Amino acid sequence: MSIPLVFRHLVDDAAVFPPGLAPLPRAVAEHAGHLTSPHTDLVGPFVVAAADLDDLARLAAPQLFPAGLRVSVVAGQAAVPAALDAVAATDRLVLAALEVKPNPALPVPAQVDELAALGLSGTVYVEVPRPGGPAWEQTLAAVTRHGFRLKFRTGGTEAAAFPTESEVAAWIHDAVAAGAAFKCTAGLHNAVRHTGRETGFEHHGYLNVLLATAWARAGAPLSDVRAALAERDPGALARAVTALPAVDAAAARSTFTSYGSCSVLEPLEDLVGLCMLDPATV
């Protein structure tokens, strides 16, 4: 079954990361299954830590991935050169993107400049600080100056890891104003903003982020972007996303490129439940 363009390659498969923490062999086998399923067009690259690249190359058998396994590699600033060497050393892995986590103890803009000095090619995401203040403004300027993309951490395993609606709205608003694309990571397993039943954490919804980005791209004020992120009515949110003109939906996805999820089926099932995808895609 066909996946609508607005959802194509929206979900990067981060099964090995928290809270899922799937063992690498199982995650690789399940990723291969997703790529041969009716929902293959929903799925982005396999997200892997730089330290696991050698093991991943051994697991990425030709019968599972004839053209090689597309990977998005998460690496600390210092580990980037070794990670690139590890990918280049095998024909089993294809580098789709590099996701760089700067050292929080050092100025991030300077690290972005150092990253650019490596002469990287391809898609590079830089995890950025919370919005507000000179650290965010200078990081945004450095990332856009070098043609990199932004990575927003939208959740985690503790409440403090979840930014507020106002913070995410500022991220999106400023990224759109700067012409910078972004991906999100952590906490966006579900389509709609909600309070976690077991944890009480306030989770952002990936449809909320999509709608907020579309509105920001259309020139909506910051208050409207924040309102899109705050919407908790599944029906209202689904109708608003479905009503987006094709050009606005495409513009939103060119900015909000994807998000990492430790589950591919959970976001898929949400879209089916909202009648936004055919049940046959599951």
Protein backbone atom coordinates (compact mmCIF):
# COMPACT_ATOMS: atom_id res chain seq x y z
CA MET A 1 0.00 0.00 0.00
CA SER A 2 1.19 3.53 -0.73
CA ILE A 3 2.36 5.84 2.06
CA PRO A 4 1.26 9.47 1.44
CA LEU A 5 4.08 11.85 0.57
CA VAL A 6 3.62 13.77 3.81
CA PHE A 7 4.66 10.66 5.78
CA ARG A 8 7.33 9.26 3.45
CA HIS A 9 10.49 8.28 5.35
CA LEU A 10 9.27 10.14 8.43
CA VAL A 11 10.38 7.54 10.99
CA ASP A 12 14.08 6.78 11.39
CA ASP A 13 14.49 3.36 12.99
CA ALA A 14 16.20 3.97 16.35
CA ALA A 15 15.22 0.62 17.88
CA VAL A 16 18.53 0.15 19.71
CA PHE A 17 18.22 3.43 21.61
CA PRO A 18 16.26 4.12 24.85
CA PRO A 19 13.65 3.40 25.90
CA GLY A 20 13.39 0.46 23.47
CA LEU A 21 17.00 -0.74 23.76
CA ALA A 22 16.45 -3.63 21.34
CA PRO A 23 19.46 -5.96 20.98
CA LEU A 24 21.32 -5.09 17.79
CA PRO A 25 20.76 -8.46 16.01
CA ARG A 26 17.01 -8.31 16.63
CA ALA A 27 16.79 -4.65 15.60
CA VAL A 28 18.62 -5.35 12.33
CA ALA A 29 16.36 -8.31 11.49
CA GLU A 30 13.23 -6.27 12.27
CA HIS A 31 14.52 -3.35 10.18
CA ALA A 32 14.95 -5.70 7.22
CA GLY A 33 11.35 -6.79 7.77
CA HIS A 34 10.13 -3.18 7.72
CA LEU A 35 11.92 -2.59 4.42
CA THR A 36 10.04 -5.46 2.76
CA SER A 37 6.66 -4.61 4.31
CA PRO A 38 3.73 -2.54 2.98
CA HIS A 39 4.90 0.34 5.18
CA THR A 40 8.46 0.44 3.82
CA ASP A 41 8.04 4.03 2.57
CA LEU A 42 7.35 5.26 6.10
CA VAL A 43 10.78 4.10 7.26
CA GLY A 44 14.03 6.07 7.14
CA PRO A 45 17.57 4.84 7.81
CA PHE A 46 18.68 2.61 10.68
CA VAL A 47 20.05 4.79 13.48
CA VAL A 48 23.20 3.40 15.09
CA ALA A 49 25.79 4.56 17.60
CA ALA A 50 29.30 4.95 16.18
CA ALA A 51 30.59 2.34 18.63
CA ASP A 52 28.34 -0.33 17.09
CA LEU A 53 29.33 0.14 13.45
CA ASP A 54 31.67 -2.85 13.23
CA ASP A 55 29.08 -5.19 14.74
CA LEU A 56 26.38 -3.73 12.50
CA ALA A 57 28.46 -4.31 9.36
CA ARG A 58 28.74 -8.00 10.27
CA LEU A 59 24.98 -8.26 10.76
CA ALA A 60 24.02 -6.43 7.56
CA ALA A 61 24.09 -9.57 5.41
CA PRO A 62 23.62 -9.23 1.63
CA GLN A 63 20.50 -11.41 1.74
CA LEU A 64 18.91 -8.89 4.11
CA PHE A 65 20.23 -5.71 2.49
CA PRO A 66 21.38 -6.41 -1.08
CA ALA A 67 22.44 -2.80 -1.70
CA GLY A 68 23.79 -2.29 1.81
CA LEU A 69 22.10 -1.03 4.97
CA ARG A 70 21.39 2.71 5.03
CA VAL A 71 22.53 4.11 8.37
CA SER A 72 22.34 7.36 10.28
CA VAL A 73 25.34 7.35 12.60
CA VAL A 74 25.18 9.01 16.03
CA ALA A 75 28.63 10.14 17.14
CA GLY A 76 30.17 12.45 19.67
CA GLN A 77 32.19 15.28 18.20
CA ALA A 78 35.53 13.53 18.81
CA ALA A 79 34.34 10.21 17.35
CA VAL A 80 33.32 11.55 13.93
CA PRO A 81 36.54 10.75 11.99
CA ALA A 82 36.65 7.16 13.29
CA ALA A 83 32.96 6.67 12.50
CA LEU A 84 33.45 7.83 8.93
CA ASP A 85 36.42 5.48 8.56
CA ALA A 86 34.36 2.56 9.89
CA VAL A 87 31.61 3.13 7.32
CA ALA A 88 34.11 3.57 4.50
CA ALA A 89 35.83 0.30 5.44
CA THR A 90 32.82 -1.86 4.54
CA ASP A 91 30.46 -2.24 1.60
CA ARG A 92 27.68 -3.39 3.92
CA LEU A 93 26.80 0.08 5.22
CA VAL A 94 25.62 3.14 3.31
CA LEU A 95 25.92 6.46 5.14
CA ALA A 96 22.56 8.26 4.94
CA ALA A 97 23.35 10.85 7.61
CA LEU A 98 25.67 11.75 10.44
CA GLU A 99 24.16 12.90 13.75
CA VAL A 100 26.73 14.75 15.83
CA LYS A 101 26.41 15.36 19.55
CA PRO A 102 28.76 18.19 20.57
CA ASN A 103 30.50 18.18 23.93
CA PRO A 104 28.15 20.16 26.22
CA ALA A 105 31.11 21.33 28.32
CA LEU A 106 32.53 23.28 25.36
CA PRO A 107 31.09 26.11 23.26
CA VAL A 108 28.89 24.46 20.63
CA PRO A 109 29.37 27.06 17.85
CA ALA A 110 33.14 26.53 17.93
CA GLN A 111 32.63 22.78 17.70
CA VAL A 112 30.37 23.26 14.67
CA ASP A 113 33.16 25.24 13.01
CA GLU A 114 35.62 22.43 13.82
CA LEU A 115 33.19 19.92 12.34
CA ALA A 116 32.99 21.92 9.13
CA ALA A 117 36.78 21.98 8.92
CA LEU A 118 36.69 18.19 8.42
CA GLY A 119 35.25 18.80 4.95
CA LEU A 120 32.23 16.58 5.52
CA SER A 121 29.94 15.80 2.63
CA GLY A 122 26.37 14.55 2.76
CA THR A 123 23.74 15.11 5.42
CA VAL A 124 24.99 16.23 8.83
CA TYR A 125 22.76 16.92 11.82
CA VAL A 126 24.04 18.77 14.89
CA GLU A 127 22.25 18.34 18.20
CA VAL A 128 21.57 21.82 19.48
CA PRO A 129 21.00 23.41 22.91
CA ARG A 130 17.62 24.48 24.23
CA PRO A 131 16.39 27.68 22.55
CA GLY A 132 16.78 31.07 24.16
CA GLY A 133 19.96 33.01 24.80
CA PRO A 134 23.21 33.41 22.89
CA ALA A 135 24.18 29.69 22.93
CA TRP A 136 21.15 28.79 20.80
CA GLU A 137 21.41 31.82 18.54
CA GLN A 138 25.12 31.33 17.88
CA THR A 139 24.71 27.59 17.32
CA LEU A 140 21.87 28.17 14.83
CA ALA A 141 24.03 30.69 12.97
CA ALA A 142 26.99 28.30 12.85
CA VAL A 143 24.91 25.33 11.69
CA THR A 144 23.24 27.28 8.90
CA ARG A 145 26.50 28.94 7.87
CA HIS A 146 28.05 25.54 7.18
CA GLY A 147 24.99 24.00 5.53
CA PHE A 148 24.35 21.48 8.31
CA ARG A 149 20.98 20.53 9.77
CA LEU A 150 19.59 20.78 13.29
CA LYS A 151 18.73 17.96 15.66
CA PHE A 152 16.18 18.68 18.40
CA ARG A 153 16.03 16.42 21.46
CA THR A 154 12.31 16.26 22.23
CA GLY A 155 12.34 13.75 25.08
CA GLY A 156 14.23 11.13 27.00
CA THR A 157 14.08 8.90 30.04
CA GLU A 158 13.43 11.68 32.56
CA ALA A 159 11.00 14.58 32.70
CA ALA A 160 13.73 17.22 32.39
CA ALA A 161 14.67 15.84 28.95
CA PHE A 162 11.34 17.01 27.49
CA PRO A 163 11.38 20.62 26.27
CA THR A 164 8.26 22.71 26.76
CA GLU A 165 5.83 23.64 23.99
CA SER A 166 7.29 27.15 24.02
CA GLU A 167 10.82 25.80 23.58
CA VAL A 168 9.91 23.52 20.68
CA ALA A 169 7.90 26.34 19.10
CA ALA A 170 10.95 28.63 19.32
CA TRP A 171 13.17 25.92 17.81
CA ILE A 172 10.81 25.46 14.86
CA HIS A 173 10.12 29.16 14.36
CA ASP A 174 13.81 30.07 14.38
CA ALA A 175 14.79 27.13 12.16
CA VAL A 176 12.21 28.15 9.57
CA ALA A 177 13.34 31.78 9.71
CA ALA A 178 16.96 30.65 9.16
CA GLY A 179 16.06 28.24 6.36
CA ALA A 180 17.44 25.28 8.31
CA ALA A 181 16.09 21.74 8.15
CA PHE A 182 15.81 19.64 11.31
CA LYS A 183 15.07 16.21 12.68
CA CYS A 184 13.81 15.30 16.14
CA THR A 185 14.91 12.57 18.48
CA ALA A 186 13.38 10.87 21.52
CA GLY A 187 9.89 11.10 22.98
CA LEU A 188 7.93 11.28 19.71
CA HIS A 189 6.62 7.71 19.58
CA ASN A 190 3.02 8.82 19.23
CA ALA A 191 1.16 11.08 16.83
CA VAL A 192 -0.54 13.36 19.36
CA ARG A 193 0.66 15.32 22.38
CA HIS A 194 -0.19 13.44 25.57
CA THR A 195 0.79 12.71 29.15
CA GLY A 196 2.57 9.38 29.54
CA ARG A 197 0.42 6.98 31.53
CA GLU A 198 3.24 5.31 33.43
CA THR A 199 5.70 8.19 33.72
CA GLY A 200 3.61 11.36 33.74
CA PHE A 201 6.01 12.81 31.15
CA GLU A 202 4.54 15.37 28.74
CA HIS A 203 5.20 13.92 25.28
CA HIS A 204 5.12 15.97 22.10
CA GLY A 205 3.33 14.37 19.14
CA TYR A 206 4.96 13.98 15.76
CA LEU A 207 1.80 15.23 14.03
CA ASN A 208 1.91 18.28 16.30
CA VAL A 209 5.49 18.96 15.16
CA LEU A 210 4.49 18.45 11.53
CA LEU A 211 1.54 20.85 11.79
CA ALA A 212 3.57 23.42 13.72
CA THR A 213 6.26 23.31 11.04
CA ALA A 214 3.70 23.71 8.26
CA TRP A 215 2.20 26.72 9.97
CA ALA A 216 5.62 28.25 10.60
CA ARG A 217 6.54 27.74 6.94
CA ALA A 218 3.27 29.49 5.98
CA GLY A 219 4.25 32.54 8.05
CA ALA A 220 2.11 31.94 11.15
CA PRO A 221 3.11 33.82 14.31
CA LEU A 222 4.96 32.06 17.11
CA SER A 223 1.74 31.83 19.16
CA ASP A 224 0.09 29.73 16.43
CA VAL A 225 3.12 27.47 16.17
CA ARG A 226 2.92 26.92 19.92
CA ALA A 227 -0.83 26.26 19.69
CA ALA A 228 -0.23 23.53 17.10
CA LEU A 229 2.20 21.85 19.49
CA ALA A 230 -0.33 22.09 22.33
CA GLU A 231 -3.23 20.39 20.49
CA ARG A 232 -4.31 17.21 22.32
CA ASP A 233 -7.48 16.35 20.41
CA PRO A 234 -6.54 13.50 18.03
CA GLY A 235 -9.44 14.18 15.66
CA ALA A 236 -8.80 17.90 15.45
CA LEU A 237 -5.10 17.36 14.86
CA ALA A 238 -5.68 14.71 12.17
CA ARG A 239 -8.17 16.96 10.38
CA ALA A 240 -5.76 19.91 10.47
CA VAL A 241 -2.89 17.86 9.02
CA THR A 242 -5.14 16.27 6.39
CA ALA A 243 -6.41 19.72 5.38
CA LEU A 244 -2.92 21.04 4.66
CA PRO A 245 -2.53 21.99 0.99
CA ALA A 246 -0.04 19.68 -0.74
CA VAL A 247 2.44 22.51 -1.19
CA ASP A 248 2.35 23.33 2.54
CA ALA A 249 2.74 19.69 3.53
CA ALA A 250 5.72 19.33 1.20
CA ALA A 251 7.28 22.51 2.58
CA ALA A 252 6.84 21.23 6.13
CA ARG A 253 8.56 17.93 5.32
CA SER A 254 11.46 19.68 3.59
CA THR A 255 12.08 21.37 6.96
CA PHE A 256 10.98 18.62 9.40
CA THR A 257 12.83 15.82 7.64
CA SER A 258 12.28 12.93 10.08
CA TYR A 259 12.42 11.82 13.67
CA GLY A 260 14.08 8.91 15.44
CA SER A 261 11.78 6.41 17.12
CA CYS A 262 12.64 3.20 18.96
CA SER A 263 9.44 1.78 17.46
CA VAL A 264 8.33 1.87 13.84
CA LEU A 265 5.04 0.09 14.44
CA GLU A 266 3.82 2.44 17.17
CA PRO A 267 3.72 5.58 14.99
CA LEU A 268 2.35 3.50 12.11
CA GLU A 269 -0.50 2.17 14.26
CA ASP A 270 -1.31 5.70 15.42
CA LEU A 271 -1.74 6.86 11.82
CA VAL A 272 -3.96 3.88 11.06
CA GLY A 273 -6.00 4.57 14.19
CA LEU A 274 -6.50 8.16 13.07
CA CYS A 275 -7.66 6.93 9.63
CA MET A 276 -4.69 8.63 8.00
CA LEU A 277 -3.23 5.37 6.64
CA ASP A 278 -4.76 2.22 5.24
CA PRO A 279 -4.80 -0.66 7.82
CA ALA A 280 -3.14 -2.84 5.19
CA THR A 281 0.12 -0.92 5.74
CA VAL A 282 0.62 -2.47 9.19
